[in-house]
C-alpha cells in the first residue's frame, strides 16, 4: 500500500476497495496519459466544460497511480470510480488538473 498523498508534490488520494491509492501527476504519468487521451490542455478544457468522460477520468487516474499495488487493475479502478460516483472522483481530479495547468 502506498503512503499518504503529499499535497506539496501535487499528489491526491483516491480510495479503491477501501484502500488509499496515491495519484501523482509526474512527467512520465502525464506523457502516458497524453499518449492515450490526446492533448492535456484539451482534456482540461473538456473538464472545465463538463465534458470529461468517465473513461477519460479513469485513464488519467490510472496513469498517475504511484506504486501500483498488485491487486489494482484498471477495471477495478474504473469500477471503484463508477461505484462511488463523481463526488468521490472530483477532489483528486481537481488536484491533477490543477497540476497539469500550474506545473511544478
PDB file of N, CA and C in Angstrom:
ATOM      1  N   UNK A   1       0.837  -1.178   0.000  1.00  0.00           N
ATOM      2  CA  UNK A   1       0.000   0.000   0.000  1.00  0.00           C
ATOM      3  C   UNK A   1       0.876   1.232   0.000  1.00  0.00           C
ATOM      4  N   UNK A   2       0.477   2.233  -0.742  1.00  0.00           N
ATOM      5  CA  UNK A   2       1.230   3.472  -0.848  1.00  0.00           C
ATOM      6  C   UNK A   2       1.096   4.300   0.420  1.00  0.00           C
ATOM      7  N   UNK A   3       2.043   5.181   0.632  1.00  0.00           N
ATOM      8  CA  UNK A   3       1.959   6.128   1.733  1.00  0.00           C
ATOM      9  C   UNK A   3       0.873   7.144   1.413  1.00  0.00           C
ATOM     10  N   UNK A   4       0.557   7.995   2.364  1.00  0.00           N
ATOM     11  CA  UNK A   4      -0.448   9.036   2.143  1.00  0.00           C
ATOM     12  C   UNK A   4       0.044  10.025   1.092  1.00  0.00           C
ATOM     13  N   UNK A   5      -0.899  10.610   0.385  1.00  0.00           N
ATOM     14  CA  UNK A   5      -0.569  11.596  -0.642  1.00  0.00           C
ATOM     15  C   UNK A   5       0.106  12.807  -0.013  1.00  0.00           C
ATOM     16  N   UNK A   6       1.037  13.383  -0.752  1.00  0.00           N
ATOM     17  CA  UNK A   6       1.747  14.584  -0.329  1.00  0.00           C
ATOM     18  C   UNK A   6       1.270  15.743  -1.200  1.00  0.00           C
ATOM     19  N   UNK A   7       0.417  16.623  -0.676  1.00  0.00           N
ATOM     20  CA  UNK A   7      -0.111  17.721  -1.487  1.00  0.00           C
ATOM     21  C   UNK A   7       0.976  18.655  -2.037  1.00  0.00           C
ATOM     22  N   UNK A   8       2.110  18.738  -1.355  1.00  0.00           N
ATOM     23  CA  UNK A   8       3.204  19.587  -1.827  1.00  0.00           C
ATOM     24  C   UNK A   8       3.746  19.074  -3.163  1.00  0.00           C
ATOM     25  N   UNK A   9       3.660  17.768  -3.368  1.00  0.00           N
ATOM     26  CA  UNK A   9       4.110  17.158  -4.625  1.00  0.00           C
ATOM     27  C   UNK A   9       3.006  17.108  -5.669  1.00  0.00           C
ATOM     28  N   UNK A  10       1.845  17.659  -5.344  1.00  0.00           N
ATOM     29  CA  UNK A  10       0.726  17.630  -6.273  1.00  0.00           C
ATOM     30  C   UNK A  10      -0.011  16.311  -6.276  1.00  0.00           C
ATOM     31  N   UNK A  11       0.149  15.528  -5.204  1.00  0.00           N
ATOM     32  CA  UNK A  11      -0.474  14.224  -5.116  1.00  0.00           C
ATOM     33  C   UNK A  11      -1.883  14.314  -4.541  1.00  0.00           C
ATOM     34  N   UNK A  12      -2.665  13.283  -4.829  1.00  0.00           N
ATOM     35  CA  UNK A  12      -4.020  13.180  -4.290  1.00  0.00           C
ATOM     36  C   UNK A  12      -4.287  11.729  -3.921  1.00  0.00           C
ATOM     37  N   UNK A  13      -5.139  11.538  -2.919  1.00  0.00           N
ATOM     38  CA  UNK A  13      -5.561  10.194  -2.516  1.00  0.00           C
ATOM     39  C   UNK A  13      -6.847   9.824  -3.227  1.00  0.00           C
ATOM     40  N   UNK A  14      -6.970   8.554  -3.535  1.00  0.00           N
ATOM     41  CA  UNK A  14      -8.192   8.005  -4.100  1.00  0.00           C
ATOM     42  C   UNK A  14      -8.448   6.685  -3.389  1.00  0.00           C
ATOM     43  N   UNK A  15      -9.644   6.494  -2.847  1.00  0.00           N
ATOM     44  CA  UNK A  15      -9.979   5.252  -2.150  1.00  0.00           C
ATOM     45  C   UNK A  15     -10.493   4.234  -3.165  1.00  0.00           C
ATOM     46  N   UNK A  16      -9.862   3.071  -3.194  1.00  0.00           N
ATOM     47  CA  UNK A  16     -10.269   1.973  -4.073  1.00  0.00           C
ATOM     48  C   UNK A  16     -10.342   0.720  -3.221  1.00  0.00           C
ATOM     49  N   UNK A  17     -11.505   0.129  -3.173  1.00  0.00           N
ATOM     50  CA  UNK A  17     -11.716  -1.087  -2.371  1.00  0.00           C
ATOM     51  C   UNK A  17     -11.265  -0.889  -0.925  1.00  0.00           C
ATOM     52  N   UNK A  18     -11.537   0.289  -0.395  1.00  0.00           N
ATOM     53  CA  UNK A  18     -11.207   0.578   0.995  1.00  0.00           C
ATOM     54  C   UNK A  18      -9.764   0.950   1.262  1.00  0.00           C
ATOM     55  N   UNK A  19      -8.945   0.997   0.226  1.00  0.00           N
ATOM     56  CA  UNK A  19      -7.531   1.328   0.404  1.00  0.00           C
ATOM     57  C   UNK A  19      -7.199   2.639  -0.299  1.00  0.00           C
ATOM     58  N   UNK A  20      -6.286   3.393   0.304  1.00  0.00           N
ATOM     59  CA  UNK A  20      -5.848   4.644  -0.305  1.00  0.00           C
ATOM     60  C   UNK A  20      -4.841   4.349  -1.407  1.00  0.00           C
ATOM     61  N   UNK A  21      -5.100   4.923  -2.567  1.00  0.00           N
ATOM     62  CA  UNK A  21      -4.175   4.842  -3.696  1.00  0.00           C
ATOM     63  C   UNK A  21      -3.709   6.275  -3.953  1.00  0.00           C
ATOM     64  N   UNK A  22      -2.409   6.462  -4.082  1.00  0.00           N
ATOM     65  CA  UNK A  22      -1.856   7.795  -4.301  1.00  0.00           C
ATOM     66  C   UNK A  22      -1.739   8.056  -5.797  1.00  0.00           C
ATOM     67  N   UNK A  23      -2.217   9.228  -6.200  1.00  0.00           N
ATOM     68  CA  UNK A  23      -2.102   9.686  -7.585  1.00  0.00           C
ATOM     69  C   UNK A  23      -1.094  10.823  -7.628  1.00  0.00           C
ATOM     70  N   UNK A  24      -0.127  10.719  -8.542  1.00  0.00           N
ATOM     71  CA  UNK A  24       0.881  11.769  -8.700  1.00  0.00           C
ATOM     72  C   UNK A  24       1.027  12.080 -10.190  1.00  0.00           C
ATOM     73  N   UNK A  25       0.819  13.324 -10.569  1.00  0.00           N
ATOM     74  CA  UNK A  25       0.944  13.696 -11.982  1.00  0.00           C
ATOM     75  C   UNK A  25       2.393  13.954 -12.386  1.00  0.00           C
ATOM     76  N   UNK A  26       3.205  12.911 -12.348  1.00  0.00           N
ATOM     77  CA  UNK A  26       4.611  13.043 -12.747  1.00  0.00           C
ATOM     78  C   UNK A  26       4.700  13.259 -14.259  1.00  0.00           C
ATOM     79  N   UNK A  27       5.846  13.670 -14.712  1.00  0.00           N
ATOM     80  CA  UNK A  27       6.040  13.873 -16.154  1.00  0.00           C
ATOM     81  C   UNK A  27       5.743  12.593 -16.923  1.00  0.00           C
ATOM     82  N   UNK A  28       6.289  11.470 -16.462  1.00  0.00           N
ATOM     83  CA  UNK A  28       6.075  10.195 -17.150  1.00  0.00           C
ATOM     84  C   UNK A  28       4.597   9.818 -17.172  1.00  0.00           C
ATOM     85  N   UNK A  29       3.909  10.034 -16.050  1.00  0.00           N
ATOM     86  CA  UNK A  29       2.481   9.711 -15.982  1.00  0.00           C
ATOM     87  C   UNK A  29       1.682  10.572 -16.948  1.00  0.00           C
ATOM     88  N   UNK A  30       1.999  11.848 -17.004  1.00  0.00           N
ATOM     89  CA  UNK A  30       1.247  12.745 -17.878  1.00  0.00           C
ATOM     90  C   UNK A  30       1.546  12.480 -19.351  1.00  0.00           C
ATOM     91  N   UNK A  31       2.771  12.115 -19.678  1.00  0.00           N
ATOM     92  CA  UNK A  31       3.099  11.744 -21.063  1.00  0.00           C
ATOM     93  C   UNK A  31       2.307  10.501 -21.464  1.00  0.00           C
ATOM     94  N   UNK A  32       2.231   9.520 -20.564  1.00  0.00           N
ATOM     95  CA  UNK A  32       1.460   8.311 -20.857  1.00  0.00           C
ATOM     96  C   UNK A  32      -0.024   8.633 -21.018  1.00  0.00           C
ATOM     97  N   UNK A  33      -0.543   9.479 -20.150  1.00  0.00           N
ATOM     98  CA  UNK A  33      -1.955   9.870 -20.244  1.00  0.00           C
ATOM     99  C   UNK A  33      -2.217  10.624 -21.545  1.00  0.00           C
ATOM    100  N   UNK A  34      -1.317  11.519 -21.898  1.00  0.00           N
ATOM    101  CA  UNK A  34      -1.480  12.282 -23.133  1.00  0.00           C
ATOM    102  C   UNK A  34      -1.415  11.369 -24.353  1.00  0.00           C
ATOM    103  N   UNK A  35      -0.572  10.350 -24.299  1.00  0.00           N
ATOM    104  CA  UNK A  35      -0.483   9.392 -25.391  1.00  0.00           C
ATOM    105  C   UNK A  35      -1.799   8.669 -25.622  1.00  0.00           C
ATOM    106  N   UNK A  36      -2.527   8.440 -24.553  1.00  0.00           N
ATOM    107  CA  UNK A  36      -3.818   7.754 -24.660  1.00  0.00           C
ATOM    108  C   UNK A  36      -4.976   8.714 -24.913  1.00  0.00           C
ATOM    109  N   UNK A  37      -4.946   9.873 -24.254  1.00  0.00           N
ATOM    110  CA  UNK A  37      -6.112  10.763 -24.243  1.00  0.00           C
ATOM    111  C   UNK A  37      -6.010  11.964 -25.175  1.00  0.00           C
ATOM    112  N   UNK A  38      -4.837  12.202 -25.719  1.00  0.00           N
ATOM    113  CA  UNK A  38      -4.644  13.399 -26.532  1.00  0.00           C
ATOM    114  C   UNK A  38      -4.160  14.550 -25.658  1.00  0.00           C
ATOM    115  N   UNK A  39      -4.213  15.729 -26.211  1.00  0.00           N
ATOM    116  CA  UNK A  39      -3.701  16.930 -25.555  1.00  0.00           C
ATOM    117  C   UNK A  39      -4.243  17.093 -24.138  1.00  0.00           C
ATOM    118  N   UNK A  40      -3.344  17.306 -23.188  1.00  0.00           N
ATOM    119  CA  UNK A  40      -3.770  17.531 -21.813  1.00  0.00           C
ATOM    120  C   UNK A  40      -4.481  18.866 -21.668  1.00  0.00           C
ATOM    121  N   UNK A  41      -4.084  19.848 -22.448  1.00  0.00           N
ATOM    122  CA  UNK A  41      -4.770  21.141 -22.400  1.00  0.00           C
ATOM    123  C   UNK A  41      -6.224  20.965 -22.831  1.00  0.00           C
ATOM    124  N   UNK A  42      -6.446  20.183 -23.890  1.00  0.00           N
ATOM    125  CA  UNK A  42      -7.815  19.922 -24.337  1.00  0.00           C
ATOM    126  C   UNK A  42      -8.580  19.097 -23.310  1.00  0.00           C
ATOM    127  N   UNK A  43      -7.894  18.200 -22.608  1.00  0.00           N
ATOM    128  CA  UNK A  43      -8.519  17.429 -21.534  1.00  0.00           C
ATOM    129  C   UNK A  43      -9.022  18.364 -20.438  1.00  0.00           C
ATOM    130  N   UNK A  44      -8.191  19.326 -20.066  1.00  0.00           N
ATOM    131  CA  UNK A  44      -8.577  20.306 -19.044  1.00  0.00           C
ATOM    132  C   UNK A  44      -9.759  21.140 -19.541  1.00  0.00           C
ATOM    133  N   UNK A  45      -9.727  21.528 -20.807  1.00  0.00           N
ATOM    134  CA  UNK A  45     -10.849  22.303 -21.370  1.00  0.00           C
ATOM    135  C   UNK A  45     -12.144  21.497 -21.340  1.00  0.00           C
ATOM    136  N   UNK A  46     -12.079  20.206 -21.692  1.00  0.00           N
ATOM    137  CA  UNK A  46     -13.277  19.365 -21.635  1.00  0.00           C
ATOM    138  C   UNK A  46     -13.785  19.252 -20.201  1.00  0.00           C
ATOM    139  N   UNK A  47     -12.866  19.119 -19.259  1.00  0.00           N
ATOM    140  CA  UNK A  47     -13.271  19.031 -17.850  1.00  0.00           C
ATOM    141  C   UNK A  47     -13.950  20.330 -17.416  1.00  0.00           C
ATOM    142  N   UNK A  48     -13.389  21.457 -17.789  1.00  0.00           N
ATOM    143  CA  UNK A  48     -13.965  22.755 -17.411  1.00  0.00           C
ATOM    144  C   UNK A  48     -15.350  22.949 -18.013  1.00  0.00           C
ATOM    145  N   UNK A  49     -15.571  22.357 -19.172  1.00  0.00           N
ATOM    146  CA  UNK A  49     -16.863  22.485 -19.853  1.00  0.00           C
ATOM    147  C   UNK A  49     -17.836  21.388 -19.435  1.00  0.00           C
ATOM    148  N   UNK A  50     -17.417  20.511 -18.515  1.00  0.00           N
ATOM    149  CA  UNK A  50     -18.282  19.435 -18.063  1.00  0.00           C
ATOM    150  C   UNK A  50     -18.421  18.307 -19.068  1.00  0.00           C
ATOM    151  N   UNK A  51     -17.434  18.168 -19.954  1.00  0.00           N
ATOM    152  CA  UNK A  51     -17.492  17.146 -20.998  1.00  0.00           C
ATOM    153  C   UNK A  51     -16.431  16.052 -20.823  1.00  0.00           C
ATOM    154  N   UNK A  52     -15.868  15.939 -19.642  1.00  0.00           N
ATOM    155  CA  UNK A  52     -14.872  14.900 -19.400  1.00  0.00           C
ATOM    156  C   UNK A  52     -15.604  13.592 -19.121  1.00  0.00           C
ATOM    157  N   UNK A  53     -15.260  12.560 -19.855  1.00  0.00           N
ATOM    158  CA  UNK A  53     -15.953  11.280 -19.694  1.00  0.00           C
ATOM    159  C   UNK A  53     -15.393  10.487 -18.515  1.00  0.00           C
ATOM    160  N   UNK A  54     -16.179   9.535 -18.077  1.00  0.00           N
ATOM    161  CA  UNK A  54     -15.732   8.636 -17.017  1.00  0.00           C
ATOM    162  C   UNK A  54     -14.484   7.876 -17.463  1.00  0.00           C
ATOM    163  N   UNK A  55     -14.468   7.431 -18.715  1.00  0.00           N
ATOM    164  CA  UNK A  55     -13.308   6.703 -19.244  1.00  0.00           C
ATOM    165  C   UNK A  55     -12.053   7.570 -19.223  1.00  0.00           C
ATOM    166  N   UNK A  56     -12.184   8.846 -19.555  1.00  0.00           N
ATOM    167  CA  UNK A  56     -11.026   9.747 -19.535  1.00  0.00           C
ATOM    168  C   UNK A  56     -10.535   9.969 -18.104  1.00  0.00           C
ATOM    169  N   UNK A  57     -11.466  10.118 -17.185  1.00  0.00           N
ATOM    170  CA  UNK A  57     -11.098  10.312 -15.783  1.00  0.00           C
ATOM    171  C   UNK A  57     -10.336   9.101 -15.261  1.00  0.00           C
ATOM    172  N   UNK A  58     -10.855   7.912 -15.528  1.00  0.00           N
ATOM    173  CA  UNK A  58     -10.202   6.685 -15.067  1.00  0.00           C
ATOM    174  C   UNK A  58      -8.831   6.527 -15.729  1.00  0.00           C
ATOM    175  N   UNK A  59      -8.724   6.855 -17.013  1.00  0.00           N
ATOM    176  CA  UNK A  59      -7.435   6.752 -17.702  1.00  0.00           C
ATOM    177  C   UNK A  59      -6.406   7.676 -17.067  1.00  0.00           C
ATOM    178  N   UNK A  60      -6.789   8.910 -16.780  1.00  0.00           N
ATOM    179  CA  UNK A  60      -5.863   9.845 -16.140  1.00  0.00           C
ATOM    180  C   UNK A  60      -5.444   9.311 -14.774  1.00  0.00           C
ATOM    181  N   UNK A  61      -6.417   8.864 -13.992  1.00  0.00           N
ATOM    182  CA  UNK A  61      -6.090   8.295 -12.685  1.00  0.00           C
ATOM    183  C   UNK A  61      -5.132   7.102 -12.834  1.00  0.00           C
ATOM    184  N   UNK A  62      -5.435   6.213 -13.773  1.00  0.00           N
ATOM    185  CA  UNK A  62      -4.630   5.002 -13.967  1.00  0.00           C
ATOM    186  C   UNK A  62      -3.163   5.342 -14.217  1.00  0.00           C
ATOM    187  N   UNK A  63      -2.930   6.303 -15.078  1.00  0.00           N
ATOM    188  CA  UNK A  63      -1.549   6.653 -15.414  1.00  0.00           C
ATOM    189  C   UNK A  63      -0.835   7.351 -14.257  1.00  0.00           C
ATOM    190  N   UNK A  64      -1.601   7.958 -13.356  1.00  0.00           N
ATOM    191  CA  UNK A  64      -0.997   8.713 -12.252  1.00  0.00           C
ATOM    192  C   UNK A  64      -0.847   7.910 -10.957  1.00  0.00           C
ATOM    193  N   UNK A  65      -1.292   6.649 -10.934  1.00  0.00           N
ATOM    194  CA  UNK A  65      -1.152   5.829  -9.718  1.00  0.00           C
ATOM    195  C   UNK A  65       0.331   5.628  -9.408  1.00  0.00           C
ATOM    196  N   UNK A  66       0.688   5.874  -8.162  1.00  0.00           N
ATOM    197  CA  UNK A  66       2.062   5.691  -7.682  1.00  0.00           C
ATOM    198  C   UNK A  66       2.164   4.311  -7.041  1.00  0.00           C
ATOM    199  N   UNK A  67       3.251   3.604  -7.326  1.00  0.00           N
ATOM    200  CA  UNK A  67       3.481   2.289  -6.707  1.00  0.00           C
ATOM    201  C   UNK A  67       2.220   1.427  -6.780  1.00  0.00           C
ATOM    202  N   UNK A  68       1.757   1.193  -8.005  1.00  0.00           N
ATOM    203  CA  UNK A  68       0.506   0.465  -8.231  1.00  0.00           C
ATOM    204  C   UNK A  68       0.543  -0.886  -7.526  1.00  0.00           C
ATOM    205  N   UNK A  69      -0.402  -1.107  -6.596  1.00  0.00           N
ATOM    206  CA  UNK A  69      -0.452  -2.405  -5.918  1.00  0.00           C
ATOM    207  C   UNK A  69      -0.815  -3.520  -6.896  1.00  0.00           C
ATOM    208  N   UNK A  70      -0.375  -4.731  -6.599  1.00  0.00           N
ATOM    209  CA  UNK A  70      -0.644  -5.874  -7.477  1.00  0.00           C
ATOM    210  C   UNK A  70      -2.134  -6.124  -7.677  1.00  0.00           C
ATOM    211  N   UNK A  71      -2.928  -5.858  -6.671  1.00  0.00           N
ATOM    212  CA  UNK A  71      -4.365  -6.132  -6.748  1.00  0.00           C
ATOM    213  C   UNK A  71      -5.114  -5.116  -7.607  1.00  0.00           C
ATOM    214  N   UNK A  72      -4.497  -3.964  -7.878  1.00  0.00           N
ATOM    215  CA  UNK A  72      -5.194  -2.899  -8.596  1.00  0.00           C
ATOM    216  C   UNK A  72      -5.094  -3.109 -10.103  1.00  0.00           C
ATOM    217  N   UNK A  73      -6.230  -3.327 -10.709  1.00  0.00           N
ATOM    218  CA  UNK A  73      -6.313  -3.389 -12.163  1.00  0.00           C
ATOM    219  C   UNK A  73      -7.043  -2.140 -12.638  1.00  0.00           C
ATOM    220  N   UNK A  74      -6.919  -1.861 -13.917  1.00  0.00           N
ATOM    221  CA  UNK A  74      -7.626  -0.705 -14.458  1.00  0.00           C
ATOM    222  C   UNK A  74      -9.137  -0.903 -14.332  1.00  0.00           C
ATOM    223  N   UNK A  75      -9.583  -2.134 -14.529  1.00  0.00           N
ATOM    224  CA  UNK A  75     -11.016  -2.423 -14.391  1.00  0.00           C
ATOM    225  C   UNK A  75     -11.485  -2.174 -12.952  1.00  0.00           C
ATOM    226  N   UNK A  76     -10.679  -2.583 -11.968  1.00  0.00           N
ATOM    227  CA  UNK A  76     -11.041  -2.354 -10.564  1.00  0.00           C
ATOM    228  C   UNK A  76     -11.079  -0.865 -10.247  1.00  0.00           C
ATOM    229  N   UNK A  77     -10.141  -0.124 -10.790  1.00  0.00           N
ATOM    230  CA  UNK A  77     -10.128   1.327 -10.596  1.00  0.00           C
ATOM    231  C   UNK A  77     -11.390   1.942 -11.195  1.00  0.00           C
ATOM    232  N   UNK A  78     -11.712   1.550 -12.406  1.00  0.00           N
ATOM    233  CA  UNK A  78     -12.910   2.064 -13.063  1.00  0.00           C
ATOM    234  C   UNK A  78     -14.174   1.712 -12.307  1.00  0.00           C
ATOM    235  N   UNK A  79     -14.264   0.480 -11.827  1.00  0.00           N
ATOM    236  CA  UNK A  79     -15.437   0.060 -11.057  1.00  0.00           C
ATOM    237  C   UNK A  79     -15.559   0.861  -9.761  1.00  0.00           C
ATOM    238  N   UNK A  80     -14.432   1.118  -9.107  1.00  0.00           N
ATOM    239  CA  UNK A  80     -14.459   1.894  -7.865  1.00  0.00           C
ATOM    240  C   UNK A  80     -14.927   3.316  -8.122  1.00  0.00           C
ATOM    241  N   UNK A  81     -14.440   3.931  -9.182  1.00  0.00           N
ATOM    242  CA  UNK A  81     -14.857   5.299  -9.509  1.00  0.00           C
ATOM    243  C   UNK A  81     -16.342   5.317  -9.854  1.00  0.00           C
ATOM    244  N   UNK A  82     -16.797   4.360 -10.657  1.00  0.00           N
ATOM    245  CA  UNK A  82     -18.209   4.303 -11.043  1.00  0.00           C
ATOM    246  C   UNK A  82     -19.100   4.025  -9.829  1.00  0.00           C
ATOM    247  N   UNK A  83     -18.662   3.128  -8.957  1.00  0.00           N
ATOM    248  CA  UNK A  83     -19.477   2.751  -7.797  1.00  0.00           C
ATOM    249  C   UNK A  83     -19.624   3.900  -6.806  1.00  0.00           C
ATOM    250  N   UNK A  84     -18.571   4.676  -6.627  1.00  0.00           N
ATOM    251  CA  UNK A  84     -18.609   5.758  -5.639  1.00  0.00           C
ATOM    252  C   UNK A  84     -19.059   7.069  -6.243  1.00  0.00           C
ATOM    253  N   UNK A  85     -19.069   7.166  -7.571  1.00  0.00           N
ATOM    254  CA  UNK A  85     -19.615   8.335  -8.246  1.00  0.00           C
ATOM    255  C   UNK A  85     -18.649   9.487  -8.399  1.00  0.00           C
ATOM    256  N   UNK A  86     -19.149  10.499  -9.087  1.00  0.00           N
ATOM    257  CA  UNK A  86     -18.328  11.670  -9.375  1.00  0.00           C
ATOM    258  C   UNK A  86     -17.931  12.442  -8.130  1.00  0.00           C
ATOM    259  N   UNK A  87     -18.740  12.370  -7.095  1.00  0.00           N
ATOM    260  CA  UNK A  87     -18.390  13.074  -5.860  1.00  0.00           C
ATOM    261  C   UNK A  87     -17.051  12.594  -5.316  1.00  0.00           C
ATOM    262  N   UNK A  88     -16.778  11.288  -5.425  1.00  0.00           N
ATOM    263  CA  UNK A  88     -15.515  10.732  -4.953  1.00  0.00           C
ATOM    264  C   UNK A  88     -14.377  11.090  -5.899  1.00  0.00           C
ATOM    265  N   UNK A  89     -14.673  11.150  -7.180  1.00  0.00           N
ATOM    266  CA  UNK A  89     -13.624  11.372  -8.172  1.00  0.00           C
ATOM    267  C   UNK A  89     -13.241  12.839  -8.324  1.00  0.00           C
ATOM    268  N   UNK A  90     -14.132  13.744  -7.989  1.00  0.00           N
ATOM    269  CA  UNK A  90     -13.888  15.163  -8.250  1.00  0.00           C
ATOM    270  C   UNK A  90     -12.694  15.749  -7.487  1.00  0.00           C
ATOM    271  N   UNK A  91     -12.551  15.528  -6.175  1.00  0.00           N
ATOM    272  CA  UNK A  91     -11.401  16.140  -5.488  1.00  0.00           C
ATOM    273  C   UNK A  91     -10.041  15.719  -6.058  1.00  0.00           C
ATOM    274  N   UNK A  92      -9.767  14.406  -6.255  1.00  0.00           N
ATOM    275  CA  UNK A  92      -8.462  14.075  -6.830  1.00  0.00           C
ATOM    276  C   UNK A  92      -8.326  14.542  -8.278  1.00  0.00           C
ATOM    277  N   UNK A  93      -9.420  14.527  -9.024  1.00  0.00           N
ATOM    278  CA  UNK A  93      -9.370  15.016 -10.405  1.00  0.00           C
ATOM    279  C   UNK A  93      -9.011  16.496 -10.424  1.00  0.00           C
ATOM    280  N   UNK A  94      -9.585  17.261  -9.535  1.00  0.00           N
ATOM    281  CA  UNK A  94      -9.295  18.694  -9.445  1.00  0.00           C
ATOM    282  C   UNK A  94      -7.805  18.924  -9.146  1.00  0.00           C
ATOM    283  N   UNK A  95      -7.245  18.115  -8.259  1.00  0.00           N
ATOM    284  CA  UNK A  95      -5.815  18.239  -7.929  1.00  0.00           C
ATOM    285  C   UNK A  95      -4.969  17.960  -9.170  1.00  0.00           C
ATOM    286  N   UNK A  96      -5.264  16.862  -9.867  1.00  0.00           N
ATOM    287  CA  UNK A  96      -4.468  16.505 -11.048  1.00  0.00           C
ATOM    288  C   UNK A  96      -4.592  17.558 -12.137  1.00  0.00           C
ATOM    289  N   UNK A  97      -5.805  18.021 -12.398  1.00  0.00           N
ATOM    290  CA  UNK A  97      -5.997  19.030 -13.447  1.00  0.00           C
ATOM    291  C   UNK A  97      -5.313  20.336 -13.065  1.00  0.00           C
ATOM    292  N   UNK A  98      -5.356  20.679 -11.785  1.00  0.00           N
ATOM    293  CA  UNK A  98      -4.654  21.884 -11.311  1.00  0.00           C
ATOM    294  C   UNK A  98      -3.155  21.789 -11.530  1.00  0.00           C
ATOM    295  N   UNK A  99      -2.598  20.593 -11.297  1.00  0.00           N
ATOM    296  CA  UNK A  99      -1.167  20.398 -11.515  1.00  0.00           C
ATOM    297  C   UNK A  99      -0.816  20.453 -13.001  1.00  0.00           C
ATOM    298  N   UNK A 100      -1.707  19.929 -13.829  1.00  0.00           N
ATOM    299  CA  UNK A 100      -1.460  19.991 -15.277  1.00  0.00           C
ATOM    300  C   UNK A 100      -1.366  21.447 -15.720  1.00  0.00           C
ATOM    301  N   UNK A 101      -2.253  22.271 -15.208  1.00  0.00           N
ATOM    302  CA  UNK A 101      -2.251  23.696 -15.588  1.00  0.00           C
ATOM    303  C   UNK A 101      -1.110  24.483 -14.957  1.00  0.00           C
ATOM    304  N   UNK A 102      -0.832  24.205 -13.693  1.00  0.00           N
ATOM    305  CA  UNK A 102       0.138  25.004 -12.957  1.00  0.00           C
ATOM    306  C   UNK A 102       1.563  24.520 -13.114  1.00  0.00           C
ATOM    307  N   UNK A 103       1.725  23.213 -13.323  1.00  0.00           N
ATOM    308  CA  UNK A 103       3.072  22.668 -13.335  1.00  0.00           C
ATOM    309  C   UNK A 103       3.643  22.665 -11.939  1.00  0.00           C
ATOM    310  N   UNK A 104       4.905  22.256 -11.837  1.00  0.00           N
ATOM    311  CA  UNK A 104       5.550  22.234 -10.523  1.00  0.00           C
ATOM    312  C   UNK A 104       6.885  22.900 -10.622  1.00  0.00           C
TER     313      UNK A 104
END
